[in-house]
Amino acid sequence: MRAAPLLYGDGGREPIHMDALRDLVARMSVLADEHPHLASMTLTPVNCWGSGVDVLGAAIRVAPHVARVDADRRLMTD
């Protein structure tokens, strides 16, 4: 959380392209939903800057598919 101001251009730095970062997170979510055999995904490093986002490394772990009992998208609830 202490590094969050860097995302918005703290200290005179250029703010990162937040739409590109949001798109990356959304794409990873869709990938996980469409491929239930993906057990985990680690993207490192991810370089973010004003013109976009680059994923320089990725590790994906595949495991046997475990059937879900709910048919809809998962909801975050209390």
PDB file of N, CA and C in Angstrom:
ATOM      1  N   MET A   1       0.810  -1.184   0.000  1.00  0.00           N
ATOM      2  CA  MET A   1       0.000   0.000   0.000  1.00  0.00           C
ATOM      3  C   MET A   1       0.861   1.259   0.000  1.00  0.00           C
ATOM      4  N   ARG A   2       2.031   1.162   0.592  1.00  0.00           N
ATOM      5  CA  ARG A   2       2.887   2.355   0.624  1.00  0.00           C
ATOM      6  C   ARG A   2       3.355   2.745  -0.767  1.00  0.00           C
ATOM      7  N   ALA A   3       3.414   1.777  -1.682  1.00  0.00           N
ATOM      8  CA  ALA A   3       3.877   2.070  -3.039  1.00  0.00           C
ATOM      9  C   ALA A   3       2.752   2.586  -3.930  1.00  0.00           C
ATOM     10  N   ALA A   4       1.507   2.566  -3.461  1.00  0.00           N
ATOM     11  CA  ALA A   4       0.364   2.985  -4.275  1.00  0.00           C
ATOM     12  C   ALA A   4       0.517   4.387  -4.864  1.00  0.00           C
ATOM     13  N   PRO A   5       1.065   5.369  -4.144  1.00  0.00           N
ATOM     14  CA  PRO A   5       1.216   6.697  -4.758  1.00  0.00           C
ATOM     15  C   PRO A   5       2.076   6.683  -6.028  1.00  0.00           C
ATOM     16  N   LEU A   6       2.974   5.712  -6.159  1.00  0.00           N
ATOM     17  CA  LEU A   6       3.806   5.624  -7.362  1.00  0.00           C
ATOM     18  C   LEU A   6       2.961   5.340  -8.604  1.00  0.00           C
ATOM     19  N   LEU A   7       1.829   4.657  -8.420  1.00  0.00           N
ATOM     20  CA  LEU A   7       0.957   4.361  -9.548  1.00  0.00           C
ATOM     21  C   LEU A   7       0.381   5.632 -10.165  1.00  0.00           C
ATOM     22  N   TYR A   8       0.232   6.659  -9.328  1.00  0.00           N
ATOM     23  CA  TYR A   8      -0.414   7.894  -9.766  1.00  0.00           C
ATOM     24  C   TYR A   8       0.571   9.028 -10.032  1.00  0.00           C
ATOM     25  N   GLY A   9       1.861   8.722 -10.091  1.00  0.00           N
ATOM     26  CA  GLY A   9       2.839   9.720 -10.467  1.00  0.00           C
ATOM     27  C   GLY A   9       3.423  10.505  -9.311  1.00  0.00           C
ATOM     28  N   ASP A  10       3.514   9.910  -8.155  1.00  0.00           N
ATOM     29  CA  ASP A  10       4.092  10.577  -6.991  1.00  0.00           C
ATOM     30  C   ASP A  10       5.548  10.955  -7.252  1.00  0.00           C
ATOM     31  N   GLY A  11       5.978  12.050  -6.713  1.00  0.00           N
ATOM     32  CA  GLY A  11       7.373  12.471  -6.825  1.00  0.00           C
ATOM     33  C   GLY A  11       7.773  12.929  -8.216  1.00  0.00           C
ATOM     34  N   GLY A  12       6.814  13.376  -9.008  1.00  0.00           N
ATOM     35  CA  GLY A  12       7.131  13.862 -10.337  1.00  0.00           C
ATOM     36  C   GLY A  12       7.274  12.775 -11.390  1.00  0.00           C
ATOM     37  N   ARG A  13       7.048  11.528 -11.013  1.00  0.00           N
ATOM     38  CA  ARG A  13       7.124  10.434 -11.979  1.00  0.00           C
ATOM     39  C   ARG A  13       5.875  10.421 -12.851  1.00  0.00           C
ATOM     40  N   GLU A  14       5.986   9.789 -14.017  1.00  0.00           N
ATOM     41  CA  GLU A  14       4.844   9.649 -14.910  1.00  0.00           C
ATOM     42  C   GLU A  14       3.880   8.613 -14.318  1.00  0.00           C
ATOM     43  N   PRO A  15       2.573   8.912 -14.242  1.00  0.00           N
ATOM     44  CA  PRO A  15       1.624   7.914 -13.737  1.00  0.00           C
ATOM     45  C   PRO A  15       1.512   6.752 -14.713  1.00  0.00           C
ATOM     46  N   ILE A  16       1.190   5.579 -14.182  1.00  0.00           N
ATOM     47  CA  ILE A  16       1.073   4.419 -15.062  1.00  0.00           C
ATOM     48  C   ILE A  16      -0.257   4.457 -15.802  1.00  0.00           C
ATOM     49  N   HIS A  17      -0.363   3.643 -16.809  1.00  0.00           N
ATOM     50  CA  HIS A  17      -1.579   3.522 -17.618  1.00  0.00           C
ATOM     51  C   HIS A  17      -2.531   2.592 -16.866  1.00  0.00           C
ATOM     52  N   MET A  18      -3.417   3.163 -16.035  1.00  0.00           N
ATOM     53  CA  MET A  18      -4.292   2.370 -15.171  1.00  0.00           C
ATOM     54  C   MET A  18      -5.250   1.494 -15.968  1.00  0.00           C
ATOM     55  N   ASP A  19      -5.720   1.954 -17.123  1.00  0.00           N
ATOM     56  CA  ASP A  19      -6.620   1.131 -17.930  1.00  0.00           C
ATOM     57  C   ASP A  19      -5.920  -0.134 -18.411  1.00  0.00           C
ATOM     58  N   ALA A  20      -4.646  -0.037 -18.741  1.00  0.00           N
ATOM     59  CA  ALA A  20      -3.891  -1.213 -19.174  1.00  0.00           C
ATOM     60  C   ALA A  20      -3.716  -2.192 -18.028  1.00  0.00           C
ATOM     61  N   LEU A  21      -3.476  -1.694 -16.825  1.00  0.00           N
ATOM     62  CA  LEU A  21      -3.340  -2.563 -15.659  1.00  0.00           C
ATOM     63  C   LEU A  21      -4.675  -3.231 -15.333  1.00  0.00           C
ATOM     64  N   ARG A  22      -5.759  -2.472 -15.388  1.00  0.00           N
ATOM     65  CA  ARG A  22      -7.092  -3.057 -15.162  1.00  0.00           C
ATOM     66  C   ARG A  22      -7.391  -4.129 -16.208  1.00  0.00           C
ATOM     67  N   ASP A  23      -7.014  -3.881 -17.462  1.00  0.00           N
ATOM     68  CA  ASP A  23      -7.234  -4.844 -18.534  1.00  0.00           C
ATOM     69  C   ASP A  23      -6.462  -6.133 -18.273  1.00  0.00           C
ATOM     70  N   LEU A  24      -5.234  -6.016 -17.808  1.00  0.00           N
ATOM     71  CA  LEU A  24      -4.434  -7.203 -17.491  1.00  0.00           C
ATOM     72  C   LEU A  24      -5.108  -8.034 -16.401  1.00  0.00           C
ATOM     73  N   VAL A  25      -5.556  -7.387 -15.346  1.00  0.00           N
ATOM     74  CA  VAL A  25      -6.222  -8.099 -14.252  1.00  0.00           C
ATOM     75  C   VAL A  25      -7.506  -8.750 -14.752  1.00  0.00           C
ATOM     76  N   ALA A  26      -8.279  -8.048 -15.570  1.00  0.00           N
ATOM     77  CA  ALA A  26      -9.520  -8.611 -16.109  1.00  0.00           C
ATOM     78  C   ALA A  26      -9.245  -9.809 -17.012  1.00  0.00           C
ATOM     79  N   ARG A  27      -8.211  -9.719 -17.831  1.00  0.00           N
ATOM     80  CA  ARG A  27      -7.867 -10.836 -18.723  1.00  0.00           C
ATOM     81  C   ARG A  27      -7.428 -12.067 -17.933  1.00  0.00           C
ATOM     82  N   MET A  28      -6.695 -11.858 -16.852  1.00  0.00           N
ATOM     83  CA  MET A  28      -6.275 -12.988 -16.019  1.00  0.00           C
ATOM     84  C   MET A  28      -7.494 -13.639 -15.355  1.00  0.00           C
ATOM     85  N   SER A  29      -8.458 -12.831 -14.964  1.00  0.00           N
ATOM     86  CA  SER A  29      -9.681 -13.345 -14.367  1.00  0.00           C
ATOM     87  C   SER A  29     -10.478 -14.183 -15.366  1.00  0.00           C
ATOM     88  N   VAL A  30     -10.612 -13.676 -16.579  1.00  0.00           N
ATOM     89  CA  VAL A  30     -11.325 -14.416 -17.619  1.00  0.00           C
ATOM     90  C   VAL A  30     -10.587 -15.716 -17.938  1.00  0.00           C
ATOM     91  N   LEU A  31      -9.271 -15.662 -18.033  1.00  0.00           N
ATOM     92  CA  LEU A  31      -8.472 -16.855 -18.290  1.00  0.00           C
ATOM     93  C   LEU A  31      -8.719 -17.907 -17.214  1.00  0.00           C
ATOM     94  N   ALA A  32      -8.736 -17.493 -15.960  1.00  0.00           N
ATOM     95  CA  ALA A  32      -8.975 -18.424 -14.858  1.00  0.00           C
ATOM     96  C   ALA A  32     -10.374 -19.018 -14.923  1.00  0.00           C
ATOM     97  N   ASP A  33     -11.379 -18.208 -15.279  1.00  0.00           N
ATOM     98  CA  ASP A  33     -12.746 -18.714 -15.381  1.00  0.00           C
ATOM     99  C   ASP A  33     -12.917 -19.679 -16.552  1.00  0.00           C
ATOM    100  N   GLU A  34     -12.255 -19.406 -17.664  1.00  0.00           N
ATOM    101  CA  GLU A  34     -12.418 -20.240 -18.854  1.00  0.00           C
ATOM    102  C   GLU A  34     -11.586 -21.513 -18.820  1.00  0.00           C
ATOM    103  N   HIS A  35     -10.580 -21.559 -17.957  1.00  0.00           N
ATOM    104  CA  HIS A  35      -9.700 -22.729 -17.868  1.00  0.00           C
ATOM    105  C   HIS A  35      -9.605 -23.172 -16.408  1.00  0.00           C
ATOM    106  N   PRO A  36     -10.583 -23.936 -15.936  1.00  0.00           N
ATOM    107  CA  PRO A  36     -10.627 -24.310 -14.527  1.00  0.00           C
ATOM    108  C   PRO A  36      -9.466 -25.212 -14.085  1.00  0.00           C
ATOM    109  N   HIS A  37      -8.730 -25.775 -15.020  1.00  0.00           N
ATOM    110  CA  HIS A  37      -7.583 -26.612 -14.660  1.00  0.00           C
ATOM    111  C   HIS A  37      -6.343 -25.781 -14.304  1.00  0.00           C
ATOM    112  N   LEU A  38      -6.412 -24.449 -14.453  1.00  0.00           N
ATOM    113  CA  LEU A  38      -5.312 -23.586 -14.033  1.00  0.00           C
ATOM    114  C   LEU A  38      -5.401 -23.405 -12.519  1.00  0.00           C
ATOM    115  N   ALA A  39      -4.431 -23.952 -11.807  1.00  0.00           N
ATOM    116  CA  ALA A  39      -4.458 -23.892 -10.335  1.00  0.00           C
ATOM    117  C   ALA A  39      -3.916 -22.569  -9.824  1.00  0.00           C
ATOM    118  N   SER A  40      -2.890 -22.031 -10.481  1.00  0.00           N
ATOM    119  CA  SER A  40      -2.335 -20.739 -10.056  1.00  0.00           C
ATOM    120  C   SER A  40      -1.594 -20.082 -11.207  1.00  0.00           C
ATOM    121  N   MET A  41      -1.527 -18.746 -11.131  1.00  0.00           N
ATOM    122  CA  MET A  41      -0.785 -17.961 -12.111  1.00  0.00           C
ATOM    123  C   MET A  41       0.009 -16.905 -11.364  1.00  0.00           C
ATOM    124  N   THR A  42       1.274 -16.805 -11.691  1.00  0.00           N
ATOM    125  CA  THR A  42       2.125 -15.777 -11.103  1.00  0.00           C
ATOM    126  C   THR A  42       2.771 -15.000 -12.241  1.00  0.00           C
ATOM    127  N   LEU A  43       2.544 -13.710 -12.255  1.00  0.00           N
ATOM    128  CA  LEU A  43       3.148 -12.839 -13.269  1.00  0.00           C
ATOM    129  C   LEU A  43       4.221 -12.014 -12.574  1.00  0.00           C
ATOM    130  N   THR A  44       5.456 -12.208 -12.990  1.00  0.00           N
ATOM    131  CA  THR A  44       6.537 -11.455 -12.363  1.00  0.00           C
ATOM    132  C   THR A  44       7.736 -11.409 -13.294  1.00  0.00           C
ATOM    133  N   PRO A  45       8.303 -10.313 -13.538  1.00  0.00           N
ATOM    134  CA  PRO A  45       7.825  -8.992 -13.161  1.00  0.00           C
ATOM    135  C   PRO A  45       6.802  -8.468 -14.159  1.00  0.00           C
ATOM    136  N   VAL A  46       6.005  -7.539 -13.695  1.00  0.00           N
ATOM    137  CA  VAL A  46       5.066  -6.804 -14.541  1.00  0.00           C
ATOM    138  C   VAL A  46       5.528  -5.358 -14.540  1.00  0.00           C
ATOM    139  N   ASN A  47       5.902  -4.852 -15.698  1.00  0.00           N
ATOM    140  CA  ASN A  47       6.345  -3.462 -15.816  1.00  0.00           C
ATOM    141  C   ASN A  47       5.168  -2.595 -16.248  1.00  0.00           C
ATOM    142  N   CYS A  48       4.908  -1.553 -15.495  1.00  0.00           N
ATOM    143  CA  CYS A  48       3.813  -0.623 -15.785  1.00  0.00           C
ATOM    144  C   CYS A  48       4.399   0.761 -16.003  1.00  0.00           C
ATOM    145  N   TRP A  49       3.911   1.457 -17.001  1.00  0.00           N
ATOM    146  CA  TRP A  49       4.298   2.839 -17.241  1.00  0.00           C
ATOM    147  C   TRP A  49       3.173   3.575 -17.939  1.00  0.00           C
ATOM    148  N   GLY A  50       3.403   4.771 -18.324  1.00  0.00           N
ATOM    149  CA  GLY A  50       2.361   5.610 -18.900  1.00  0.00           C
ATOM    150  C   GLY A  50       1.768   5.108 -20.189  1.00  0.00           C
ATOM    151  N   SER A  51       2.513   4.307 -20.949  1.00  0.00           N
ATOM    152  CA  SER A  51       2.017   3.863 -22.242  1.00  0.00           C
ATOM    153  C   SER A  51       1.488   2.441 -22.241  1.00  0.00           C
ATOM    154  N   GLY A  52       1.568   1.730 -21.124  1.00  0.00           N
ATOM    155  CA  GLY A  52       1.048   0.366 -21.104  1.00  0.00           C
ATOM    156  C   GLY A  52       1.627  -0.485 -20.011  1.00  0.00           C
ATOM    157  N   VAL A  53       1.443  -1.782 -20.181  1.00  0.00           N
ATOM    158  CA  VAL A  53       1.883  -2.772 -19.210  1.00  0.00           C
ATOM    159  C   VAL A  53       2.542  -3.914 -19.973  1.00  0.00           C
ATOM    160  N   ASP A  54       3.670  -4.403 -19.485  1.00  0.00           N
ATOM    161  CA  ASP A  54       4.345  -5.563 -20.067  1.00  0.00           C
ATOM    162  C   ASP A  54       4.536  -6.624 -18.998  1.00  0.00           C
ATOM    163  N   VAL A  55       4.168  -7.861 -19.324  1.00  0.00           N
ATOM    164  CA  VAL A  55       4.433  -8.995 -18.450  1.00  0.00           C
ATOM    165  C   VAL A  55       5.717  -9.634 -18.960  1.00  0.00           C
ATOM    166  N   LEU A  56       6.740  -9.638 -18.130  1.00  0.00           N
ATOM    167  CA  LEU A  56       8.033 -10.157 -18.561  1.00  0.00           C
ATOM    168  C   LEU A  56       8.255 -11.612 -18.176  1.00  0.00           C
ATOM    169  N   GLY A  57       7.490 -12.095 -17.211  1.00  0.00           N
ATOM    170  CA  GLY A  57       7.627 -13.484 -16.800  1.00  0.00           C
ATOM    171  C   GLY A  57       6.308 -14.006 -16.276  1.00  0.00           C
ATOM    172  N   ALA A  58       6.053 -15.287 -16.510  1.00  0.00           N
ATOM    173  CA  ALA A  58       4.814 -15.889 -16.031  1.00  0.00           C
ATOM    174  C   ALA A  58       5.073 -17.333 -15.641  1.00  0.00           C
ATOM    175  N   ALA A  59       4.435 -17.759 -14.565  1.00  0.00           N
ATOM    176  CA  ALA A  59       4.464 -19.159 -14.144  1.00  0.00           C
ATOM    177  C   ALA A  59       3.021 -19.595 -13.943  1.00  0.00           C
ATOM    178  N   ILE A  60       2.662 -20.701 -14.576  1.00  0.00           N
ATOM    179  CA  ILE A  60       1.294 -21.210 -14.484  1.00  0.00           C
ATOM    180  C   ILE A  60       1.365 -22.652 -14.010  1.00  0.00           C
ATOM    181  N   ARG A  61       0.552 -22.957 -12.995  1.00  0.00           N
ATOM    182  CA  ARG A  61       0.490 -24.317 -12.469  1.00  0.00           C
ATOM    183  C   ARG A  61      -0.851 -24.909 -12.873  1.00  0.00           C
ATOM    184  N   VAL A  62      -0.804 -26.111 -13.462  1.00  0.00           N
ATOM    185  CA  VAL A  62      -2.003 -26.795 -13.926  1.00  0.00           C
ATOM    186  C   VAL A  62      -2.296 -27.939 -12.963  1.00  0.00           C
ATOM    187  N   ALA A  63      -3.571 -28.121 -12.634  1.00  0.00           N
ATOM    188  CA  ALA A  63      -3.995 -29.190 -11.743  1.00  0.00           C
ATOM    189  C   ALA A  63      -5.277 -29.795 -12.299  1.00  0.00           C
ATOM    190  N   PRO A  64      -5.631 -30.984 -11.834  1.00  0.00           N
ATOM    191  CA  PRO A  64      -6.893 -31.572 -12.299  1.00  0.00           C
ATOM    192  C   PRO A  64      -8.071 -30.650 -12.007  1.00  0.00           C
ATOM    193  N   HIS A  65      -9.014 -30.669 -12.906  1.00  0.00           N
ATOM    194  CA  HIS A  65     -10.201 -29.817 -12.784  1.00  0.00           C
ATOM    195  C   HIS A  65     -11.076 -30.289 -11.628  1.00  0.00           C
ATOM    196  N   VAL A  66     -11.482 -29.356 -10.781  1.00  0.00           N
ATOM    197  CA  VAL A  66     -12.432 -29.634  -9.710  1.00  0.00           C
ATOM    198  C   VAL A  66     -13.733 -28.953 -10.098  1.00  0.00           C
ATOM    199  N   ALA A  67     -14.783 -29.739 -10.230  1.00  0.00           N
ATOM    200  CA  ALA A  67     -16.065 -29.188 -10.678  1.00  0.00           C
ATOM    201  C   ALA A  67     -16.633 -28.218  -9.652  1.00  0.00           C
ATOM    202  N   ARG A  68     -17.113 -27.086 -10.137  1.00  0.00           N
ATOM    203  CA  ARG A  68     -17.766 -26.097  -9.278  1.00  0.00           C
ATOM    204  C   ARG A  68     -19.236 -26.448  -9.138  1.00  0.00           C
ATOM    205  N   VAL A  69     -19.816 -26.129  -7.994  1.00  0.00           N
ATOM    206  CA  VAL A  69     -21.229 -26.394  -7.788  1.00  0.00           C
ATOM    207  C   VAL A  69     -22.088 -25.207  -8.196  1.00  0.00           C
ATOM    208  N   ASP A  70     -21.524 -24.016  -8.269  1.00  0.00           N
ATOM    209  CA  ASP A  70     -22.278 -22.852  -8.703  1.00  0.00           C
ATOM    210  C   ASP A  70     -22.027 -22.599 -10.183  1.00  0.00           C
ATOM    211  N   ALA A  71     -23.083 -22.225 -10.886  1.00  0.00           N
ATOM    212  CA  ALA A  71     -22.962 -22.058 -12.335  1.00  0.00           C
ATOM    213  C   ALA A  71     -22.597 -20.640 -12.752  1.00  0.00           C
ATOM    214  N   ASP A  72     -22.808 -19.682 -11.861  1.00  0.00           N
ATOM    215  CA  ASP A  72     -22.572 -18.287 -12.199  1.00  0.00           C
ATOM    216  C   ASP A  72     -21.180 -17.830 -11.773  1.00  0.00           C
ATOM    217  N   ARG A  73     -20.860 -16.610 -12.148  1.00  0.00           N
ATOM    218  CA  ARG A  73     -19.611 -16.014 -11.708  1.00  0.00           C
ATOM    219  C   ARG A  73     -19.598 -15.904 -10.199  1.00  0.00           C
ATOM    220  N   ARG A  74     -18.429 -16.005  -9.630  1.00  0.00           N
ATOM    221  CA  ARG A  74     -18.303 -15.901  -8.175  1.00  0.00           C
ATOM    222  C   ARG A  74     -18.542 -14.475  -7.726  1.00  0.00           C
ATOM    223  N   LEU A  75     -19.236 -14.318  -6.612  1.00  0.00           N
ATOM    224  CA  LEU A  75     -19.510 -13.016  -6.054  1.00  0.00           C
ATOM    225  C   LEU A  75     -18.773 -12.860  -4.735  1.00  0.00           C
ATOM    226  N   MET A  76     -18.285 -11.668  -4.484  1.00  0.00           N
ATOM    227  CA  MET A  76     -17.652 -11.386  -3.201  1.00  0.00           C
ATOM    228  C   MET A  76     -18.738 -10.848  -2.280  1.00  0.00           C
ATOM    229  N   THR A  77     -19.058 -11.614  -1.252  1.00  0.00           N
ATOM    230  CA  THR A  77     -20.091 -11.201  -0.308  1.00  0.00           C
ATOM    231  C   THR A  77     -19.570 -11.326   1.097  1.00  0.00           C
ATOM    232  N   ASP A  78     -20.286 -10.712   2.015  1.00  0.00           N
ATOM    233  CA  ASP A  78     -19.936 -10.794   3.437  1.00  0.00           C
ATOM    234  C   ASP A  78     -20.495 -12.053   4.040  1.00  0.00           C
TER     235      ASP A  78
END
